[in-house]
PDB file of all heavy atoms in Angstrom:
ATOM      1  N   LYS A   1      74.651  39.483 -65.254  1.00  0.00           N
ATOM      2  CA  LYS A   1      75.395  39.354 -64.039  1.00  0.00           C
ATOM      3  C   LYS A   1      76.835  39.001 -64.375  1.00  0.00           C
ATOM      4  O   LYS A   1      77.085  38.245 -65.359  1.00  0.00           O
ATOM      5  CB  LYS A   1      74.811  38.219 -63.182  1.00  0.00           C
ATOM      6  CG  LYS A   1      73.429  38.508 -62.659  1.00  0.00           C
ATOM      7  CD  LYS A   1      72.886  37.370 -61.849  1.00  0.00           C
ATOM      8  CE  LYS A   1      71.473  37.614 -61.464  1.00  0.00           C
ATOM      9  NZ  LYS A   1      70.826  36.421 -60.859  1.00  0.00           N
ATOM     10  N   ILE A   2      77.775  39.496 -63.640  1.00  0.00           N
ATOM     11  CA  ILE A   2      79.205  39.271 -63.951  1.00  0.00           C
ATOM     12  C   ILE A   2      79.538  37.812 -63.888  1.00  0.00           C
ATOM     13  O   ILE A   2      79.250  37.124 -62.872  1.00  0.00           O
ATOM     14  CB  ILE A   2      80.060  40.092 -62.973  1.00  0.00           C
ATOM     15  CG1 ILE A   2      79.785  41.574 -63.170  1.00  0.00           C
ATOM     16  CG2 ILE A   2      81.558  39.777 -63.202  1.00  0.00           C
ATOM     17  CD1 ILE A   2      80.490  42.457 -62.165  1.00  0.00           C
ATOM     18  N   GLY A   3      80.132  37.296 -64.948  1.00  0.00           N
ATOM     19  CA  GLY A   3      80.577  35.915 -65.019  1.00  0.00           C
ATOM     20  C   GLY A   3      79.512  34.942 -65.416  1.00  0.00           C
ATOM     21  O   GLY A   3      79.764  33.715 -65.464  1.00  0.00           O
ATOM     22  N   THR A   4      78.311  35.398 -65.687  1.00  0.00           N
ATOM     23  CA  THR A   4      77.214  34.476 -66.097  1.00  0.00           C
ATOM     24  C   THR A   4      76.580  34.950 -67.383  1.00  0.00           C
ATOM     25  O   THR A   4      76.885  36.036 -67.849  1.00  0.00           O
ATOM     26  CB  THR A   4      76.130  34.362 -65.008  1.00  0.00           C
ATOM     27  OG1 THR A   4      75.459  35.570 -64.921  1.00  0.00           O
ATOM     28  CG2 THR A   4      76.701  33.962 -63.659  1.00  0.00           C
ATOM     29  N   LYS A   5      75.659  34.182 -67.885  1.00  0.00           N
ATOM     30  CA  LYS A   5      74.870  34.608 -69.048  1.00  0.00           C
ATOM     31  C   LYS A   5      73.451  34.914 -68.660  1.00  0.00           C
ATOM     32  O   LYS A   5      72.565  34.920 -69.469  1.00  0.00           O
ATOM     33  CB  LYS A   5      74.916  33.529 -70.110  1.00  0.00           C
ATOM     34  CG  LYS A   5      76.276  33.403 -70.731  1.00  0.00           C
ATOM     35  CD  LYS A   5      76.283  32.580 -71.959  1.00  0.00           C
ATOM     36  CE  LYS A   5      77.654  32.534 -72.530  1.00  0.00           C
ATOM     37  NZ  LYS A   5      77.712  31.991 -73.879  1.00  0.00           N
ATOM     38  N   ASP A   6      73.226  35.106 -67.350  1.00  0.00           N
ATOM     39  CA  ASP A   6      71.886  35.410 -66.850  1.00  0.00           C
ATOM     40  C   ASP A   6      71.669  36.910 -66.839  1.00  0.00           C
ATOM     41  O   ASP A   6      72.360  37.681 -66.185  1.00  0.00           O
ATOM     42  CB  ASP A   6      71.723  34.888 -65.454  1.00  0.00           C
ATOM     43  CG  ASP A   6      71.833  33.378 -65.342  1.00  0.00           C
ATOM     44  OD1 ASP A   6      71.423  32.718 -66.336  1.00  0.00           O
ATOM     45  OD2 ASP A   6      72.279  32.860 -64.314  1.00  0.00           O
ATOM     46  N   PRO A   7      70.652  37.394 -67.598  1.00  0.00           N
ATOM     47  CA  PRO A   7      70.357  38.808 -67.602  1.00  0.00           C
ATOM     48  C   PRO A   7      69.836  39.271 -66.237  1.00  0.00           C
ATOM     49  O   PRO A   7      69.197  38.546 -65.534  1.00  0.00           O
ATOM     50  CB  PRO A   7      69.254  38.956 -68.672  1.00  0.00           C
ATOM     51  CG  PRO A   7      69.334  37.718 -69.492  1.00  0.00           C
ATOM     52  CD  PRO A   7      69.851  36.658 -68.589  1.00  0.00           C
ATOM     53  N   ILE A   8      70.158  40.540 -65.901  1.00  0.00           N
ATOM     54  CA  ILE A   8      69.714  41.110 -64.657  1.00  0.00           C
ATOM     55  C   ILE A   8      68.392  41.741 -64.848  1.00  0.00           C
ATOM     56  O   ILE A   8      68.169  42.628 -65.707  1.00  0.00           O
ATOM     57  CB  ILE A   8      70.759  42.147 -64.149  1.00  0.00           C
ATOM     58  CG1 ILE A   8      72.088  41.543 -63.908  1.00  0.00           C
ATOM     59  CG2 ILE A   8      70.222  42.843 -62.883  1.00  0.00           C
ATOM     60  CD1 ILE A   8      73.151  42.546 -63.552  1.00  0.00           C
ATOM     61  N   ALA A   9      67.402  41.349 -64.070  1.00  0.00           N
ATOM     62  CA  ALA A   9      66.082  41.943 -64.092  1.00  0.00           C
ATOM     63  C   ALA A   9      66.096  43.251 -63.238  1.00  0.00           C
ATOM     64  O   ALA A   9      66.780  43.297 -62.226  1.00  0.00           O
ATOM     65  CB  ALA A   9      65.029  41.002 -63.575  1.00  0.00           C
ATOM     66  N   LEU A  10      65.394  44.233 -63.693  1.00  0.00           N
ATOM     67  CA  LEU A  10      65.284  45.495 -62.916  1.00  0.00           C
ATOM     68  C   LEU A  10      64.362  45.280 -61.795  1.00  0.00           C
ATOM     69  O   LEU A  10      63.306  44.612 -61.937  1.00  0.00           O
ATOM     70  CB  LEU A  10      64.851  46.640 -63.863  1.00  0.00           C
ATOM     71  CG  LEU A  10      65.782  46.958 -64.987  1.00  0.00           C
ATOM     72  CD1 LEU A  10      65.098  47.944 -65.949  1.00  0.00           C
ATOM     73  CD2 LEU A  10      67.082  47.513 -64.495  1.00  0.00           C
ATOM     74  N   THR A  11      64.610  45.909 -60.680  1.00  0.00           N
ATOM     75  CA  THR A  11      63.722  45.817 -59.494  1.00  0.00           C
ATOM     76  C   THR A  11      62.566  46.748 -59.671  1.00  0.00           C
ATOM     77  O   THR A  11      62.560  47.698 -60.521  1.00  0.00           O
ATOM     78  CB  THR A  11      64.442  46.173 -58.213  1.00  0.00           C
ATOM     79  OG1 THR A  11      64.917  47.513 -58.307  1.00  0.00           O
ATOM     80  CG2 THR A  11      65.678  45.261 -57.999  1.00  0.00           C
ATOM     81  N   ASP A  12      61.502  46.495 -58.900  1.00  0.00           N
ATOM     82  CA  ASP A  12      60.310  47.393 -58.940  1.00  0.00           C
ATOM     83  C   ASP A  12      60.667  48.834 -58.582  1.00  0.00           C
ATOM     84  O   ASP A  12      60.120  49.762 -59.106  1.00  0.00           O
ATOM     85  CB  ASP A  12      59.234  46.846 -58.038  1.00  0.00           C
ATOM     86  CG  ASP A  12      58.639  45.552 -58.557  1.00  0.00           C
ATOM     87  OD1 ASP A  12      58.752  45.287 -59.759  1.00  0.00           O
ATOM     88  OD2 ASP A  12      58.089  44.773 -57.755  1.00  0.00           O
ATOM     89  N   THR A  13      61.617  48.998 -57.643  1.00  0.00           N
ATOM     90  CA  THR A  13      61.930  50.358 -57.239  1.00  0.00           C
ATOM     91  C   THR A  13      62.700  51.092 -58.337  1.00  0.00           C
ATOM     92  O   THR A  13      62.523  52.329 -58.510  1.00  0.00           O
ATOM     93  CB  THR A  13      62.860  50.323 -55.940  1.00  0.00           C
ATOM     94  OG1 THR A  13      63.978  49.508 -56.191  1.00  0.00           O
ATOM     95  CG2 THR A  13      62.080  49.800 -54.764  1.00  0.00           C
ATOM     96  N   GLU A  14      63.532  50.383 -59.117  1.00  0.00           N
ATOM     97  CA  GLU A  14      64.184  51.013 -60.253  1.00  0.00           C
ATOM     98  C   GLU A  14      63.214  51.455 -61.345  1.00  0.00           C
ATOM     99  O   GLU A  14      63.279  52.523 -61.882  1.00  0.00           O
ATOM    100  CB  GLU A  14      65.246  50.042 -60.812  1.00  0.00           C
ATOM    101  CG  GLU A  14      66.451  49.815 -59.930  1.00  0.00           C
ATOM    102  CD  GLU A  14      67.285  48.673 -60.387  1.00  0.00           C
ATOM    103  OE1 GLU A  14      66.807  47.730 -61.082  1.00  0.00           O
ATOM    104  OE2 GLU A  14      68.511  48.708 -60.054  1.00  0.00           O
ATOM    105  N   ILE A  15      62.253  50.571 -61.615  1.00  0.00           N
ATOM    106  CA  ILE A  15      61.229  50.899 -62.631  1.00  0.00           C
ATOM    107  C   ILE A  15      60.375  52.092 -62.146  1.00  0.00           C
ATOM    108  O   ILE A  15      60.077  53.008 -62.899  1.00  0.00           O
ATOM    109  CB  ILE A  15      60.304  49.700 -62.901  1.00  0.00           C
ATOM    110  CG1 ILE A  15      61.113  48.585 -63.587  1.00  0.00           C
ATOM    111  CG2 ILE A  15      59.134  50.049 -63.721  1.00  0.00           C
ATOM    112  CD1 ILE A  15      61.696  48.956 -64.939  1.00  0.00           C
ATOM    113  N   LEU A  16      60.004  52.080 -60.856  1.00  0.00           N
ATOM    114  CA  LEU A  16      59.230  53.159 -60.286  1.00  0.00           C
ATOM    115  C   LEU A  16      60.009  54.479 -60.364  1.00  0.00           C
ATOM    116  O   LEU A  16      59.449  55.569 -60.672  1.00  0.00           O
ATOM    117  CB  LEU A  16      58.842  52.850 -58.886  1.00  0.00           C
ATOM    118  CG  LEU A  16      57.966  53.883 -58.123  1.00  0.00           C
ATOM    119  CD1 LEU A  16      56.643  54.037 -58.848  1.00  0.00           C
ATOM    120  CD2 LEU A  16      57.786  53.506 -56.683  1.00  0.00           C
ATOM    121  N   ALA A  17      61.316  54.449 -60.087  1.00  0.00           N
ATOM    122  CA  ALA A  17      62.154  55.662 -60.135  1.00  0.00           C
ATOM    123  C   ALA A  17      62.215  56.218 -61.532  1.00  0.00           C
ATOM    124  O   ALA A  17      62.119  57.438 -61.758  1.00  0.00           O
ATOM    125  CB  ALA A  17      63.545  55.347 -59.604  1.00  0.00           C
ATOM    126  N   ILE A  18      62.289  55.332 -62.533  1.00  0.00           N
ATOM    127  CA  ILE A  18      62.378  55.803 -63.926  1.00  0.00           C
ATOM    128  C   ILE A  18      61.009  56.408 -64.359  1.00  0.00           C
ATOM    129  O   ILE A  18      60.977  57.446 -65.016  1.00  0.00           O
ATOM    130  CB  ILE A  18      62.778  54.646 -64.890  1.00  0.00           C
ATOM    131  CG1 ILE A  18      64.218  54.251 -64.597  1.00  0.00           C
ATOM    132  CG2 ILE A  18      62.670  55.100 -66.347  1.00  0.00           C
ATOM    133  CD1 ILE A  18      64.624  52.919 -65.257  1.00  0.00           C
ATOM    134  N   ARG A  19      59.909  55.756 -63.935  1.00  0.00           N
ATOM    135  CA  ARG A  19      58.624  56.299 -64.282  1.00  0.00           C
ATOM    136  C   ARG A  19      58.375  57.626 -63.590  1.00  0.00           C
ATOM    137  O   ARG A  19      57.778  58.533 -64.160  1.00  0.00           O
ATOM    138  CB  ARG A  19      57.543  55.289 -63.879  1.00  0.00           C
ATOM    139  CG  ARG A  19      57.508  54.068 -64.778  1.00  0.00           C
ATOM    140  CD  ARG A  19      56.231  53.285 -64.689  1.00  0.00           C
ATOM    141  NE  ARG A  19      56.299  52.025 -65.341  1.00  0.00           N
ATOM    142  CZ  ARG A  19      56.078  51.802 -66.614  1.00  0.00           C
ATOM    143  NH1 ARG A  19      55.794  52.832 -67.403  1.00  0.00           N
ATOM    144  NH2 ARG A  19      56.163  50.611 -67.137  1.00  0.00           N
ATOM    145  N   GLN A  20      58.843  57.861 -62.356  1.00  0.00           N
ATOM    146  CA  GLN A  20      58.743  59.077 -61.678  1.00  0.00           C
ATOM    147  C   GLN A  20      59.546  60.146 -62.336  1.00  0.00           C
ATOM    148  O   GLN A  20      59.124  61.306 -62.479  1.00  0.00           O
ATOM    149  CB  GLN A  20      59.134  58.942 -60.208  1.00  0.00           C
ATOM    150  CG  GLN A  20      58.059  58.220 -59.358  1.00  0.00           C
ATOM    151  CD  GLN A  20      58.546  57.998 -57.943  1.00  0.00           C
ATOM    152  OE1 GLN A  20      59.745  58.102 -57.632  1.00  0.00           O
ATOM    153  NE2 GLN A  20      57.585  57.658 -57.072  1.00  0.00           N
ATOM    154  N   LEU A  21      60.756  59.772 -62.794  1.00  0.00           N
ATOM    155  CA  LEU A  21      61.617  60.709 -63.502  1.00  0.00           C
ATOM    156  C   LEU A  21      60.899  61.170 -64.813  1.00  0.00           C
ATOM    157  O   LEU A  21      60.912  62.359 -65.157  1.00  0.00           O
ATOM    158  CB  LEU A  21      62.929  60.072 -63.864  1.00  0.00           C
ATOM    159  CG  LEU A  21      63.953  60.922 -64.676  1.00  0.00           C
ATOM    160  CD1 LEU A  21      64.374  62.100 -63.848  1.00  0.00           C
ATOM    161  CD2 LEU A  21      65.124  60.049 -65.078  1.00  0.00           C
ATOM    162  N   GLU A  22      60.287  60.220 -65.518  1.00  0.00           N
ATOM    163  CA  GLU A  22      59.519  60.592 -66.704  1.00  0.00           C
ATOM    164  C   GLU A  22      58.381  61.613 -66.420  1.00  0.00           C
ATOM    165  O   GLU A  22      58.258  62.588 -67.101  1.00  0.00           O
ATOM    166  CB  GLU A  22      58.832  59.318 -67.298  1.00  0.00           C
ATOM    167  CG  GLU A  22      59.412  58.860 -68.577  1.00  0.00           C
ATOM    168  CD  GLU A  22      58.674  57.647 -69.113  1.00  0.00           C
ATOM    169  OE1 GLU A  22      58.020  56.919 -68.401  1.00  0.00           O
ATOM    170  OE2 GLU A  22      58.780  57.479 -70.334  1.00  0.00           O
ATOM    171  N   THR A  23      57.688  61.367 -65.331  1.00  0.00           N
ATOM    172  CA  THR A  23      56.590  62.206 -64.912  1.00  0.00           C
ATOM    173  C   THR A  23      57.052  63.612 -64.545  1.00  0.00           C
ATOM    174  O   THR A  23      56.527  64.620 -65.003  1.00  0.00           O
ATOM    175  CB  THR A  23      55.835  61.567 -63.769  1.00  0.00           C
ATOM    176  OG1 THR A  23      55.385  60.278 -64.105  1.00  0.00           O
ATOM    177  CG2 THR A  23      54.592  62.433 -63.399  1.00  0.00           C
ATOM    178  N   ILE A  24      58.150  63.651 -63.773  1.00  0.00           N
ATOM    179  CA  ILE A  24      58.658  64.938 -63.304  1.00  0.00           C
ATOM    180  C   ILE A  24      59.206  65.750 -64.485  1.00  0.00           C
ATOM    181  O   ILE A  24      58.939  66.951 -64.594  1.00  0.00           O
ATOM    182  CB  ILE A  24      59.780  64.745 -62.232  1.00  0.00           C
ATOM    183  CG1 ILE A  24      59.162  64.214 -60.952  1.00  0.00           C
ATOM    184  CG2 ILE A  24      60.576  65.984 -61.992  1.00  0.00           C
ATOM    185  CD1 ILE A  24      60.143  63.686 -59.920  1.00  0.00           C
ATOM    186  N   LYS A  25      59.950  65.113 -65.387  1.00  0.00           N
ATOM    187  CA  LYS A  25      60.490  65.833 -66.538  1.00  0.00           C
ATOM    188  C   LYS A  25      59.380  66.314 -67.432  1.00  0.00           C
ATOM    189  O   LYS A  25      59.450  67.411 -68.007  1.00  0.00           O
ATOM    190  CB  LYS A  25      61.461  64.941 -67.325  1.00  0.00           C
ATOM    191  CG  LYS A  25      62.749  64.635 -66.586  1.00  0.00           C
ATOM    192  CD  LYS A  25      63.542  65.962 -66.479  1.00  0.00           C
ATOM    193  CE  LYS A  25      64.872  65.674 -65.803  1.00  0.00           C
ATOM    194  NZ  LYS A  25      65.633  66.886 -65.596  1.00  0.00           N
ATOM    195  N   GLN A  26      58.292  65.515 -67.603  1.00  0.00           N
ATOM    196  CA  GLN A  26      57.194  65.936 -68.446  1.00  0.00           C
ATOM    197  C   GLN A  26      56.465  67.138 -67.836  1.00  0.00           C
ATOM    198  O   GLN A  26      56.064  68.065 -68.527  1.00  0.00           O
ATOM    199  CB  GLN A  26      56.182  64.794 -68.677  1.00  0.00           C
ATOM    200  CG  GLN A  26      55.161  65.075 -69.770  1.00  0.00           C
ATOM    201  CD  GLN A  26      55.837  65.293 -71.109  1.00  0.00           C
ATOM    202  OE1 GLN A  26      56.605  64.501 -71.573  1.00  0.00           O
ATOM    203  NE2 GLN A  26      55.425  66.377 -71.778  1.00  0.00           N
ATOM    204  N   LEU A  27      56.370  67.177 -66.503  1.00  0.00           N
ATOM    205  CA  LEU A  27      55.769  68.276 -65.818  1.00  0.00           C
ATOM    206  C   LEU A  27      56.583  69.551 -66.028  1.00  0.00           C
ATOM    207  O   LEU A  27      56.085  70.680 -66.200  1.00  0.00           O
ATOM    208  CB  LEU A  27      55.566  68.021 -64.355  1.00  0.00           C
ATOM    209  CG  LEU A  27      54.466  67.019 -64.025  1.00  0.00           C
ATOM    210  CD1 LEU A  27      54.495  66.678 -62.483  1.00  0.00           C
ATOM    211  CD2 LEU A  27      53.112  67.564 -64.410  1.00  0.00           C
ATOM    212  N   GLU A  28      57.952  69.424 -65.994  1.00  0.00           N
ATOM    213  CA  GLU A  28      58.790  70.571 -66.248  1.00  0.00           C
ATOM    214  C   GLU A  28      58.639  71.089 -67.636  1.00  0.00           C
ATOM    215  O   GLU A  28      58.564  72.317 -67.876  1.00  0.00           O
ATOM    216  CB  GLU A  28      60.286  70.154 -66.029  1.00  0.00           C
ATOM    217  CG  GLU A  28      60.667  69.971 -64.613  1.00  0.00           C
ATOM    218  CD  GLU A  28      62.067  69.471 -64.427  1.00  0.00           C
ATOM    219  OE1 GLU A  28      62.797  69.303 -65.452  1.00  0.00           O
ATOM    220  OE2 GLU A  28      62.508  69.262 -63.256  1.00  0.00           O
ATOM    221  N   VAL A  29      58.533  70.204 -68.642  1.00  0.00           N
ATOM    222  CA  VAL A  29      58.336  70.617 -70.050  1.00  0.00           C
ATOM    223  C   VAL A  29      57.022  71.305 -70.186  1.00  0.00           C
ATOM    224  O   VAL A  29      56.878  72.350 -70.799  1.00  0.00           O
ATOM    225  CB  VAL A  29      58.459  69.381 -70.964  1.00  0.00           C
ATOM    226  CG1 VAL A  29      57.930  69.732 -72.374  1.00  0.00           C
ATOM    227  CG2 VAL A  29      59.866  68.852 -71.019  1.00  0.00           C
ATOM    228  N   ASP A  30      55.958  70.766 -69.582  1.00  0.00           N
ATOM    229  CA  ASP A  30      54.603  71.353 -69.656  1.00  0.00           C
ATOM    230  C   ASP A  30      54.556  72.712 -68.989  1.00  0.00           C
ATOM    231  O   ASP A  30      53.812  73.604 -69.453  1.00  0.00           O
ATOM    232  CB  ASP A  30      53.583  70.415 -69.009  1.00  0.00           C
ATOM    233  CG  ASP A  30      53.358  69.131 -69.780  1.00  0.00           C
ATOM    234  OD1 ASP A  30      53.802  69.120 -70.972  1.00  0.00           O
ATOM    235  OD2 ASP A  30      52.825  68.193 -69.203  1.00  0.00           O
ATOM    236  N   ALA A  31      55.405  72.982 -67.937  1.00  0.00           N
ATOM    237  CA  ALA A  31      55.420  74.264 -67.297  1.00  0.00           C
ATOM    238  C   ALA A  31      55.932  75.349 -68.240  1.00  0.00           C
ATOM    239  O   ALA A  31      55.509  76.527 -68.121  1.00  0.00           O
ATOM    240  CB  ALA A  31      56.234  74.156 -66.036  1.00  0.00           C
ATOM    241  N   PHE A  32      56.829  74.969 -69.142  1.00  0.00           N
ATOM    242  CA  PHE A  32      57.380  75.952 -70.083  1.00  0.00           C
ATOM    243  C   PHE A  32      56.498  76.239 -71.271  1.00  0.00           C
ATOM    244  O   PHE A  32      56.775  77.135 -72.042  1.00  0.00           O
ATOM    245  CB  PHE A  32      58.774  75.548 -70.556  1.00  0.00           C
ATOM    246  CG  PHE A  32      59.807  75.846 -69.500  1.00  0.00           C
ATOM    247  CD1 PHE A  32      60.384  74.813 -68.751  1.00  0.00           C
ATOM    248  CD2 PHE A  32      60.265  77.135 -69.313  1.00  0.00           C
ATOM    249  CE1 PHE A  32      61.311  75.099 -67.809  1.00  0.00           C
ATOM    250  CE2 PHE A  32      61.201  77.402 -68.370  1.00  0.00           C
ATOM    251  CZ  PHE A  32      61.754  76.410 -67.589  1.00  0.00           C
ATOM    252  N   LYS A  33      55.417  75.430 -71.481  1.00  0.00           N
ATOM    253  CA  LYS A  33      54.497  75.658 -72.594  1.00  0.00           C
ATOM    254  C   LYS A  33      53.685  76.930 -72.328  1.00  0.00           C
ATOM    255  O   LYS A  33      53.308  77.611 -73.268  1.00  0.00           O
ATOM    256  CB  LYS A  33      53.604  74.488 -72.754  1.00  0.00           C
ATOM    257  CG  LYS A  33      54.233  73.302 -73.352  1.00  0.00           C
ATOM    258  CD  LYS A  33      53.229  72.142 -73.544  1.00  0.00           C
ATOM    259  CE  LYS A  33      53.885  70.884 -73.987  1.00  0.00           C
ATOM    260  NZ  LYS A  33      52.927  69.786 -74.001  1.00  0.00           N
TER     261      LYS A  33
END
């Protein structure tokens, strides 16, 4: 966080979005196999 030494935790929605991106990209790669 700006001005502190406290690390910012990621929210559940951010983690879910990254996991969905992983899944979608893997499906795209699998489609080209």
